[in-house]
Amino acid sequence: LKEDRPGSLYNILKEFACRNINLTRLESRPAKKDLGDYVFMIDLEGHLHDENIFEAIEVLRKSVYLVKILGSYPKWIESNRR
């Protein structure tokens, strides 16, 4: 986050909630750069090409130092089996 203040993480998470994006994992790790800085990793349901996902990521890009997409995969839908 660009500013460490109360509610910063909430403001990031609400961007997903207001777009009805299900977060399946949220993990934090200490950043190697500065003491007290953290890196957050988020897994979510959706694809980067989904409008609501794209919008949330764009808002994040304005609020944090770095957004790095490690992968984006379409949801597998089981077809009718014989």
N, C-alpha and C. Protein backbone atom coordinates (compact mmCIF):
# COMPACT_ATOMS: atom_id res chain seq x y z
N LEU A 1 0.84 -1.17 0.00
CA LEU A 1 0.00 0.00 0.00
C LEU A 1 0.88 1.24 0.00
N LYS A 2 0.40 2.26 -0.63
CA LYS A 2 1.20 3.49 -0.69
C LYS A 2 1.22 4.22 0.64
N GLU A 3 0.17 4.04 1.44
CA GLU A 3 0.11 4.67 2.76
C GLU A 3 -0.25 3.62 3.79
N ASP A 4 0.54 3.54 4.85
CA ASP A 4 0.25 2.62 5.94
C ASP A 4 -0.57 3.36 6.98
N ARG A 5 -1.86 3.12 6.96
CA ARG A 5 -2.76 3.78 7.91
C ARG A 5 -3.94 2.85 8.18
N PRO A 6 -4.66 3.07 9.27
CA PRO A 6 -5.81 2.22 9.58
C PRO A 6 -6.82 2.21 8.43
N GLY A 7 -7.27 1.04 8.06
CA GLY A 7 -8.27 0.91 7.01
C GLY A 7 -7.70 0.70 5.62
N SER A 8 -6.38 0.73 5.47
CA SER A 8 -5.78 0.58 4.13
C SER A 8 -6.10 -0.78 3.52
N LEU A 9 -5.93 -1.84 4.30
CA LEU A 9 -6.23 -3.17 3.77
C LEU A 9 -7.72 -3.31 3.48
N TYR A 10 -8.55 -2.78 4.37
CA TYR A 10 -9.99 -2.80 4.14
C TYR A 10 -10.35 -2.13 2.81
N ASN A 11 -9.75 -0.99 2.53
CA ASN A 11 -10.05 -0.27 1.29
C ASN A 11 -9.68 -1.08 0.06
N ILE A 12 -8.64 -1.88 0.15
CA ILE A 12 -8.27 -2.76 -0.96
C ILE A 12 -9.28 -3.89 -1.09
N LEU A 13 -9.60 -4.54 0.03
CA LEU A 13 -10.50 -5.69 -0.01
C LEU A 13 -11.91 -5.31 -0.44
N LYS A 14 -12.36 -4.11 -0.09
CA LYS A 14 -13.72 -3.71 -0.46
C LYS A 14 -13.87 -3.58 -1.98
N GLU A 15 -12.77 -3.32 -2.70
CA GLU A 15 -12.83 -3.25 -4.16
C GLU A 15 -13.23 -4.60 -4.75
N PHE A 16 -12.83 -5.67 -4.10
CA PHE A 16 -13.24 -7.00 -4.54
C PHE A 16 -14.68 -7.28 -4.10
N ALA A 17 -15.00 -6.95 -2.86
CA ALA A 17 -16.33 -7.24 -2.32
C ALA A 17 -17.43 -6.51 -3.08
N CYS A 18 -17.23 -5.23 -3.39
CA CYS A 18 -18.27 -4.46 -4.07
C CYS A 18 -18.48 -4.93 -5.51
N ARG A 19 -17.54 -5.69 -6.04
CA ARG A 19 -17.68 -6.24 -7.40
C ARG A 19 -18.06 -7.73 -7.36
N ASN A 20 -18.42 -8.21 -6.17
CA ASN A 20 -18.86 -9.59 -5.97
C ASN A 20 -17.78 -10.60 -6.41
N ILE A 21 -16.52 -10.30 -6.09
CA ILE A 21 -15.40 -11.18 -6.42
C ILE A 21 -15.06 -12.00 -5.19
N ASN A 22 -15.06 -13.31 -5.35
CA ASN A 22 -14.76 -14.21 -4.24
C ASN A 22 -13.26 -14.40 -4.11
N LEU A 23 -12.72 -14.00 -2.95
CA LEU A 23 -11.31 -14.24 -2.66
C LEU A 23 -11.19 -15.62 -2.02
N THR A 24 -10.33 -16.45 -2.55
CA THR A 24 -10.17 -17.79 -2.02
C THR A 24 -8.93 -17.92 -1.14
N ARG A 25 -8.06 -16.92 -1.19
CA ARG A 25 -6.85 -16.95 -0.37
C ARG A 25 -6.29 -15.53 -0.24
N LEU A 26 -5.85 -15.20 0.96
CA LEU A 26 -5.17 -13.93 1.23
C LEU A 26 -4.00 -14.25 2.16
N GLU A 27 -2.81 -13.95 1.71
CA GLU A 27 -1.61 -14.28 2.48
C GLU A 27 -0.69 -13.07 2.51
N SER A 28 -0.08 -12.83 3.65
CA SER A 28 0.88 -11.73 3.75
C SER A 28 2.24 -12.28 4.15
N ARG A 29 3.26 -11.65 3.65
CA ARG A 29 4.65 -12.00 3.95
C ARG A 29 5.42 -10.69 4.15
N PRO A 30 6.40 -10.70 5.05
CA PRO A 30 7.24 -9.51 5.17
C PRO A 30 7.98 -9.24 3.86
N ALA A 31 8.00 -8.00 3.45
CA ALA A 31 8.74 -7.61 2.24
C ALA A 31 10.23 -7.59 2.57
N LYS A 32 11.02 -7.87 1.59
CA LYS A 32 12.48 -7.89 1.81
C LYS A 32 13.07 -6.48 1.78
N LYS A 33 12.28 -5.53 1.32
CA LYS A 33 12.79 -4.17 1.12
C LYS A 33 12.96 -3.40 2.43
N ASP A 34 11.88 -3.17 3.14
CA ASP A 34 11.92 -2.36 4.36
C ASP A 34 11.21 -3.08 5.50
N LEU A 35 11.73 -2.91 6.71
CA LEU A 35 11.10 -3.46 7.89
C LEU A 35 9.71 -2.85 8.06
N GLY A 36 8.71 -3.68 8.29
CA GLY A 36 7.35 -3.19 8.44
C GLY A 36 6.55 -3.16 7.16
N ASP A 37 7.18 -3.41 6.02
CA ASP A 37 6.47 -3.50 4.74
C ASP A 37 6.09 -4.95 4.48
N TYR A 38 4.93 -5.14 3.88
CA TYR A 38 4.44 -6.49 3.62
C TYR A 38 4.02 -6.64 2.17
N VAL A 39 4.11 -7.87 1.71
CA VAL A 39 3.64 -8.27 0.39
C VAL A 39 2.38 -9.09 0.62
N PHE A 40 1.33 -8.82 -0.15
CA PHE A 40 0.09 -9.58 -0.05
C PHE A 40 -0.14 -10.35 -1.33
N MET A 41 -0.49 -11.63 -1.16
CA MET A 41 -0.83 -12.48 -2.30
C MET A 41 -2.30 -12.85 -2.19
N ILE A 42 -3.00 -12.70 -3.29
CA ILE A 42 -4.44 -12.95 -3.31
C ILE A 42 -4.77 -13.93 -4.42
N ASP A 43 -5.53 -14.97 -4.08
CA ASP A 43 -6.13 -15.85 -5.08
C ASP A 43 -7.61 -15.51 -5.11
N LEU A 44 -8.18 -15.50 -6.29
CA LEU A 44 -9.59 -15.16 -6.42
C LEU A 44 -10.24 -15.97 -7.53
N GLU A 45 -11.55 -16.01 -7.50
CA GLU A 45 -12.31 -16.68 -8.55
C GLU A 45 -12.61 -15.67 -9.64
N GLY A 46 -12.17 -15.97 -10.84
CA GLY A 46 -12.41 -15.09 -11.97
C GLY A 46 -11.20 -15.05 -12.87
N HIS A 47 -11.36 -14.39 -14.00
CA HIS A 47 -10.31 -14.28 -15.01
C HIS A 47 -10.02 -12.81 -15.24
N LEU A 48 -8.80 -12.50 -15.57
CA LEU A 48 -8.40 -11.11 -15.79
C LEU A 48 -9.24 -10.43 -16.87
N HIS A 49 -9.79 -11.20 -17.79
CA HIS A 49 -10.64 -10.64 -18.84
C HIS A 49 -12.08 -10.39 -18.39
N ASP A 50 -12.45 -10.88 -17.19
CA ASP A 50 -13.77 -10.58 -16.65
C ASP A 50 -13.80 -9.10 -16.27
N GLU A 51 -14.85 -8.41 -16.64
CA GLU A 51 -14.92 -6.96 -16.43
C GLU A 51 -14.72 -6.58 -14.96
N ASN A 52 -15.39 -7.30 -14.05
CA ASN A 52 -15.28 -6.94 -12.64
C ASN A 52 -13.87 -7.18 -12.09
N ILE A 53 -13.20 -8.22 -12.56
CA ILE A 53 -11.82 -8.49 -12.14
C ILE A 53 -10.89 -7.40 -12.68
N PHE A 54 -11.05 -7.09 -13.95
CA PHE A 54 -10.21 -6.07 -14.59
C PHE A 54 -10.34 -4.73 -13.86
N GLU A 55 -11.58 -4.34 -13.54
CA GLU A 55 -11.81 -3.07 -12.84
C GLU A 55 -11.14 -3.06 -11.47
N ALA A 56 -11.28 -4.14 -10.72
CA ALA A 56 -10.67 -4.21 -9.39
C ALA A 56 -9.15 -4.11 -9.47
N ILE A 57 -8.55 -4.78 -10.44
CA ILE A 57 -7.10 -4.74 -10.61
C ILE A 57 -6.65 -3.33 -10.98
N GLU A 58 -7.40 -2.65 -11.83
CA GLU A 58 -7.04 -1.28 -12.21
C GLU A 58 -7.09 -0.34 -11.01
N VAL A 59 -8.08 -0.51 -10.14
CA VAL A 59 -8.15 0.30 -8.92
C VAL A 59 -6.95 0.00 -8.03
N LEU A 60 -6.59 -1.29 -7.92
CA LEU A 60 -5.43 -1.66 -7.11
C LEU A 60 -4.16 -1.00 -7.62
N ARG A 61 -4.00 -0.97 -8.92
CA ARG A 61 -2.78 -0.39 -9.51
C ARG A 61 -2.59 1.07 -9.09
N LYS A 62 -3.69 1.77 -8.80
CA LYS A 62 -3.62 3.17 -8.38
C LYS A 62 -3.35 3.30 -6.87
N SER A 63 -3.55 2.21 -6.13
CA SER A 63 -3.48 2.27 -4.67
C SER A 63 -2.25 1.62 -4.06
N VAL A 64 -1.56 0.79 -4.82
CA VAL A 64 -0.42 0.05 -4.29
C VAL A 64 0.81 0.28 -5.17
N TYR A 65 1.96 -0.09 -4.64
CA TYR A 65 3.20 0.10 -5.39
C TYR A 65 3.30 -0.83 -6.59
N LEU A 66 2.86 -2.08 -6.43
CA LEU A 66 3.05 -3.06 -7.48
C LEU A 66 1.92 -4.06 -7.49
N VAL A 67 1.38 -4.34 -8.67
CA VAL A 67 0.44 -5.44 -8.88
C VAL A 67 1.10 -6.37 -9.87
N LYS A 68 1.30 -7.60 -9.46
CA LYS A 68 1.94 -8.59 -10.32
C LYS A 68 0.98 -9.76 -10.49
N ILE A 69 0.59 -10.02 -11.72
CA ILE A 69 -0.32 -11.12 -12.02
C ILE A 69 0.52 -12.36 -12.28
N LEU A 70 0.37 -13.37 -11.45
CA LEU A 70 1.15 -14.60 -11.62
C LEU A 70 0.48 -15.58 -12.56
N GLY A 71 -0.82 -15.42 -12.76
CA GLY A 71 -1.54 -16.29 -13.69
C GLY A 71 -3.01 -15.93 -13.69
N SER A 72 -3.65 -16.20 -14.80
CA SER A 72 -5.09 -15.98 -14.93
C SER A 72 -5.61 -17.04 -15.87
N TYR A 73 -6.49 -17.87 -15.35
CA TYR A 73 -6.93 -19.04 -16.10
C TYR A 73 -8.44 -19.07 -16.19
N PRO A 74 -8.98 -19.45 -17.36
CA PRO A 74 -10.44 -19.55 -17.47
C PRO A 74 -10.96 -20.67 -16.57
N LYS A 75 -12.18 -20.49 -16.10
CA LYS A 75 -12.81 -21.49 -15.25
C LYS A 75 -13.12 -22.73 -16.08
N TRP A 76 -12.79 -23.89 -15.54
CA TRP A 76 -13.07 -25.13 -16.23
C TRP A 76 -14.52 -25.51 -15.99
N ILE A 77 -15.24 -25.74 -17.05
CA ILE A 77 -16.64 -26.16 -16.97
C ILE A 77 -16.73 -27.56 -17.54
N GLU A 78 -17.19 -28.48 -16.70
CA GLU A 78 -17.29 -29.87 -17.13
C GLU A 78 -18.38 -29.99 -18.19
N SER A 79 -18.02 -30.53 -19.34
CA SER A 79 -19.00 -30.72 -20.41
C SER A 79 -19.76 -32.01 -20.15
N ASN A 80 -20.82 -32.19 -20.91
CA ASN A 80 -21.61 -33.40 -20.75
C ASN A 80 -20.77 -34.61 -21.10
N ARG A 81 -20.73 -35.56 -20.19
CA ARG A 81 -19.97 -36.78 -20.43
C ARG A 81 -20.91 -37.85 -20.96
N ARG A 82 -20.34 -38.74 -21.75
CA ARG A 82 -21.15 -39.84 -22.29
C ARG A 82 -21.30 -40.95 -21.31
